Each structure stands twice: as structure tokens, then as C-alpha cells.
Amino acid sequence: MVIKALITLAAIAIVGVNIAHSQEKPTVVLVHGAFADSSSWSKVIAKLEQDGYPVAAASNPLRSVTGDGAYVRKIVDSLPGDVILVGHSYGGSVINEVAAGNAKVRSLVFVAAFAPDIGATALR
């Protein structure tokens, strides 16, 4: 419970800083880690929506970093406007892949997450 509260506070604080100079709030795309599902973001989603942010919780397929990145990229590409990607644990590797060369991605938020170089995994 404490970890979820910290995740919520970190996501809200970072998102708030990055959108200060924008009229329209970007969509926050939440990507879960390997031992969770998108419902693990439920309390974060509620807080972000309460603050007026559009939110999407990607159902990370957990197949491979590049494959999962391609899947989440399709979600991001289908959304209007800019996005902020938030990844937890393994989801950090995935959001790195999604952000590579993607002009829609305004910022990345790593919540207790892996942050390897593009094309690398936490194992290399």
C-alpha cells in the first residue's frame, strides 16, 4: 500500500512539472511490470483522472522488450496529442523502446523501473 502511494505521488509530481507550459494535458500511459497487470495502476489512474489527466493503462503482453514496446507504441500512436510514459519495473524497459524516435512522447517516468539503453534489456 505504501509503495502504491509513493508511485502515485511520484507520477503526479513529475507529470505536473512537465505540463506546466502546456494548455492541454498529455495522456499518461501507464505500463506495468512483469509480475502485475494494468489493474495495478488503479489508484494512480483515479488520482490522475481526478486532476484532469487523460490516462491509458497498457496491458503489457510480457513477450519481449521489443515486442512489448511495439505493442505499446501502437497504443501511443492511437492516442491524440502528446503522451507521458510511466513504467514500473520491467515496464521501464518497455517505455524506453516506445519513446525511441517517437515525437509524441513528452517525457518518461520510471517508477522503481529498469532503464536500459534502447535495444538492451535488464539482463545485458
C-alpha atoms as a PDB file:
ATOM      1  CA  MET A   1       0.000   0.000   0.000  1.00  0.00           C
ATOM      2  CA  VAL A   2       2.818   2.399   0.855  1.00  0.00           C
ATOM      3  CA  ILE A   3       4.580   1.599  -2.423  1.00  0.00           C
ATOM      4  CA  LYS A   4       1.433   2.361  -4.416  1.00  0.00           C
ATOM      5  CA  ALA A   5       1.053   5.676  -2.600  1.00  0.00           C
ATOM      6  CA  LEU A   6       4.665   6.584  -3.403  1.00  0.00           C
ATOM      7  CA  ILE A   7       4.173   5.621  -7.044  1.00  0.00           C
ATOM      8  CA  THR A   8       1.098   7.833  -7.188  1.00  0.00           C
ATOM      9  CA  LEU A   9       2.889  10.796  -5.672  1.00  0.00           C
ATOM     10  CA  ALA A  10       5.907  10.397  -7.943  1.00  0.00           C
ATOM     11  CA  ALA A  11       3.780  10.131 -11.069  1.00  0.00           C
ATOM     12  CA  ILE A  12       1.661  13.146 -10.168  1.00  0.00           C
ATOM     13  CA  ALA A  13       4.678  15.257  -9.188  1.00  0.00           C
ATOM     14  CA  ILE A  14       6.634  14.513 -12.352  1.00  0.00           C
ATOM     15  CA  VAL A  15       3.628  14.856 -14.634  1.00  0.00           C
ATOM     16  CA  GLY A  16       2.741  18.178 -13.014  1.00  0.00           C
ATOM     17  CA  VAL A  17       6.207  19.589 -13.619  1.00  0.00           C
ATOM     18  CA  ASN A  18       6.313  18.562 -17.276  1.00  0.00           C
ATOM     19  CA  ILE A  19       2.956  20.005 -18.336  1.00  0.00           C
ATOM     20  CA  ALA A  20       3.262  23.397 -16.697  1.00  0.00           C
ATOM     21  CA  HIS A  21       3.758  25.230 -20.014  1.00  0.00           C
ATOM     22  CA  SER A  22       1.003  23.419 -21.937  1.00  0.00           C
ATOM     23  CA  GLN A  23      -2.683  24.277 -22.251  1.00  0.00           C
ATOM     24  CA  GLU A  24      -3.757  20.712 -22.996  1.00  0.00           C
ATOM     25  CA  LYS A  25      -2.725  17.934 -20.657  1.00  0.00           C
ATOM     26  CA  PRO A  26      -0.952  14.993 -22.267  1.00  0.00           C
ATOM     27  CA  THR A  27      -2.274  11.470 -21.916  1.00  0.00           C
ATOM     28  CA  VAL A  28      -0.463   9.493 -19.243  1.00  0.00           C
ATOM     29  CA  VAL A  29       0.244   5.965 -20.466  1.00  0.00           C
ATOM     30  CA  LEU A  30       0.971   3.548 -17.630  1.00  0.00           C
ATOM     31  CA  VAL A  31       2.942   0.360 -18.338  1.00  0.00           C
ATOM     32  CA  HIS A  32       3.058  -2.337 -15.660  1.00  0.00           C
ATOM     33  CA  GLY A  33       5.937  -4.654 -14.846  1.00  0.00           C
ATOM     34  CA  ALA A  34       6.371  -8.388 -15.272  1.00  0.00           C
ATOM     35  CA  PHE A  35       4.552  -9.587 -12.171  1.00  0.00           C
ATOM     36  CA  ALA A  36       1.482  -7.365 -12.423  1.00  0.00           C
ATOM     37  CA  ASP A  37      -1.275  -6.331 -14.789  1.00  0.00           C
ATOM     38  CA  SER A  38      -2.773  -2.994 -15.775  1.00  0.00           C
ATOM     39  CA  SER A  39      -5.162  -3.067 -12.804  1.00  0.00           C
ATOM     40  CA  SER A  40      -2.137  -2.499 -10.548  1.00  0.00           C
ATOM     41  CA  TRP A  41      -2.347   1.161 -11.614  1.00  0.00           C
ATOM     42  CA  SER A  42      -5.969   1.623 -10.451  1.00  0.00           C
ATOM     43  CA  LYS A  43      -5.233   4.044  -7.598  1.00  0.00           C
ATOM     44  CA  VAL A  44      -2.799   6.024  -9.736  1.00  0.00           C
ATOM     45  CA  ILE A  45      -5.388   6.229 -12.518  1.00  0.00           C
ATOM     46  CA  ALA A  46      -8.013   7.555 -10.114  1.00  0.00           C
ATOM     47  CA  LYS A  47      -5.704  10.298  -8.823  1.00  0.00           C
ATOM     48  CA  LEU A  48      -4.535  11.352 -12.285  1.00  0.00           C
ATOM     49  CA  GLU A  49      -8.085  11.456 -13.649  1.00  0.00           C
ATOM     50  CA  GLN A  50      -9.167  13.459 -10.605  1.00  0.00           C
ATOM     51  CA  ASP A  51      -6.532  16.010 -11.622  1.00  0.00           C
ATOM     52  CA  GLY A  52      -7.861  16.097 -15.181  1.00  0.00           C
ATOM     53  CA  TYR A  53      -5.302  13.925 -16.959  1.00  0.00           C
ATOM     54  CA  PRO A  54      -6.400  11.516 -19.666  1.00  0.00           C
ATOM     55  CA  VAL A  55      -4.976   8.099 -18.734  1.00  0.00           C
ATOM     56  CA  ALA A  56      -4.401   4.801 -20.517  1.00  0.00           C
ATOM     57  CA  ALA A  57      -3.123   1.688 -18.738  1.00  0.00           C
ATOM     58  CA  ALA A  58      -1.488  -0.518 -21.343  1.00  0.00           C
ATOM     59  CA  SER A  59      -1.965  -4.239 -20.901  1.00  0.00           C
ATOM     60  CA  ASN A  60       1.684  -5.164 -21.376  1.00  0.00           C
ATOM     61  CA  PRO A  61       1.808  -8.570 -23.145  1.00  0.00           C
ATOM     62  CA  LEU A  62       5.127  -9.571 -21.483  1.00  0.00           C
ATOM     63  CA  ARG A  63       6.647 -11.320 -24.513  1.00  0.00           C
ATOM     64  CA  SER A  64       9.880  -9.414 -25.201  1.00  0.00           C
ATOM     65  CA  VAL A  65      11.115  -5.872 -24.702  1.00  0.00           C
ATOM     66  CA  THR A  66      10.999  -5.061 -28.414  1.00  0.00           C
ATOM     67  CA  GLY A  67       7.677  -6.835 -28.996  1.00  0.00           C
ATOM     68  CA  ASP A  68       6.065  -5.264 -25.947  1.00  0.00           C
ATOM     69  CA  GLY A  69       7.458  -1.884 -26.993  1.00  0.00           C
ATOM     70  CA  ALA A  70       5.903  -2.273 -30.443  1.00  0.00           C
ATOM     71  CA  TYR A  71       2.563  -3.188 -28.852  1.00  0.00           C
ATOM     72  CA  VAL A  72       2.567  -0.181 -26.511  1.00  0.00           C
ATOM     73  CA  ARG A  73       3.736   2.075 -29.366  1.00  0.00           C
ATOM     74  CA  LYS A  74       0.549   1.163 -31.263  1.00  0.00           C
ATOM     75  CA  ILE A  75      -1.469   2.288 -28.256  1.00  0.00           C
ATOM     76  CA  VAL A  76       0.504   5.539 -28.032  1.00  0.00           C
ATOM     77  CA  ASP A  77       0.133   6.179 -31.762  1.00  0.00           C
ATOM     78  CA  SER A  78      -3.646   5.757 -31.484  1.00  0.00           C
ATOM     79  CA  LEU A  79      -3.950   8.472 -28.834  1.00  0.00           C
ATOM     80  CA  PRO A  80      -4.482  12.131 -29.703  1.00  0.00           C
ATOM     81  CA  GLY A  81      -1.766  14.588 -28.708  1.00  0.00           C
ATOM     82  CA  ASP A  82       1.332  14.113 -26.604  1.00  0.00           C
ATOM     83  CA  VAL A  83       1.886  11.381 -24.045  1.00  0.00           C
ATOM     84  CA  ILE A  84       3.835  10.824 -20.873  1.00  0.00           C
ATOM     85  CA  LEU A  85       5.007   7.244 -20.483  1.00  0.00           C
ATOM     86  CA  VAL A  86       5.201   5.762 -16.995  1.00  0.00           C
ATOM     87  CA  GLY A  87       6.830   2.380 -16.472  1.00  0.00           C
ATOM     88  CA  HIS A  88       7.159   0.229 -13.388  1.00  0.00           C
ATOM     89  CA  SER A  89       9.861  -2.444 -13.080  1.00  0.00           C
ATOM     90  CA  TYR A  90      10.128  -4.246 -16.450  1.00  0.00           C
ATOM     91  CA  GLY A  91       7.764  -1.593 -17.862  1.00  0.00           C
ATOM     92  CA  GLY A  92      10.697   0.840 -17.735  1.00  0.00           C
ATOM     93  CA  SER A  93      12.481  -1.174 -20.420  1.00  0.00           C
ATOM     94  CA  VAL A  94       9.296  -1.143 -22.494  1.00  0.00           C
ATOM     95  CA  ILE A  95       8.740   2.623 -22.299  1.00  0.00           C
ATOM     96  CA  ASN A  96      12.349   3.171 -23.401  1.00  0.00           C
ATOM     97  CA  GLU A  97      11.554   1.222 -26.577  1.00  0.00           C
ATOM     98  CA  VAL A  98       8.316   3.129 -27.155  1.00  0.00           C
ATOM     99  CA  ALA A  99       9.964   6.518 -26.732  1.00  0.00           C
ATOM    100  CA  ALA A 100      12.831   5.901 -29.177  1.00  0.00           C
ATOM    101  CA  GLY A 101      12.263   8.349 -32.031  1.00  0.00           C
ATOM    102  CA  ASN A 102       8.634   8.971 -31.066  1.00  0.00           C
ATOM    103  CA  ALA A 103       7.788  12.681 -31.239  1.00  0.00           C
ATOM    104  CA  LYS A 104       4.531  12.170 -29.304  1.00  0.00           C
ATOM    105  CA  VAL A 105       6.414  11.201 -26.128  1.00  0.00           C
ATOM    106  CA  ARG A 106       6.911  14.275 -23.983  1.00  0.00           C
ATOM    107  CA  SER A 107       8.610  12.555 -21.047  1.00  0.00           C
ATOM    108  CA  LEU A 108       9.361   9.265 -19.351  1.00  0.00           C
ATOM    109  CA  VAL A 109       8.705   8.394 -15.716  1.00  0.00           C
ATOM    110  CA  PHE A 110      10.499   5.392 -14.220  1.00  0.00           C
ATOM    111  CA  VAL A 111       8.862   4.099 -11.044  1.00  0.00           C
ATOM    112  CA  ALA A 112      11.213   1.572  -9.437  1.00  0.00           C
ATOM    113  CA  ALA A 113      11.921   0.575 -13.026  1.00  0.00           C
ATOM    114  CA  PHE A 114      14.688  -0.660 -15.267  1.00  0.00           C
ATOM    115  CA  ALA A 115      16.083   1.993 -17.609  1.00  0.00           C
ATOM    116  CA  PRO A 116      18.441   0.232 -20.026  1.00  0.00           C
ATOM    117  CA  ASP A 117      19.727   1.692 -23.281  1.00  0.00           C
ATOM    118  CA  ILE A 118      17.480   1.353 -26.324  1.00  0.00           C
ATOM    119  CA  GLY A 119      17.698  -2.197 -27.629  1.00  0.00           C
ATOM    120  CA  ALA A 120      19.196  -3.523 -24.376  1.00  0.00           C
ATOM    121  CA  THR A 121      17.470  -5.440 -21.613  1.00  0.00           C
ATOM    122  CA  ALA A 122      17.947  -5.516 -17.860  1.00  0.00           C
ATOM    123  CA  LEU A 123      19.940  -8.728 -18.374  1.00  0.00           C
ATOM    124  CA  ARG A 124      22.598  -7.176 -20.649  1.00  0.00           C
END
